[in-house]
Amino acid sequence: MGKKEDNFGFFIKRHKEIASAYEDFGKLIHLQGGPLDEKTRWLIKVSVSTTGRHELALRTHLQKAERAGCSMEEIEHAILLTASTAGFPAMMTGLMIFREVFEDNLQ
């Protein structure tokens, strides 16, 4: 188990009701927040995490985007689009994390 999972487990164990409410909130936003399909929602989350330099969140969102059916090219494009808004360094950090997460899937 990695640090991220260990820390999340710690949070859940110590704050069950808060963790449950947060999870329910996230599900409601995803499922009832609007008309965007699942792939689009995860690509947006990849971009937002990249822009905000939220590295742990980006790792999670990359994996969830792949599970939602996003291709490597779609995910990479979502990261590249952040360069003109968030800046080249943020985009490059996102690209580096993308490569780390999907190193076995990239050529």
Foldseek 3Di string as FASTA:
>chain_A
DDPVVVVVVVCCVVPVVVVVVVVVVVVCCQPPVDDDDPLVVLLVQLLVCLLVVVLVSNLVSLVSNVVSPDDLVSNLVSLVVNCVPSHDVSSVVSVVSSCVSCVVPDD
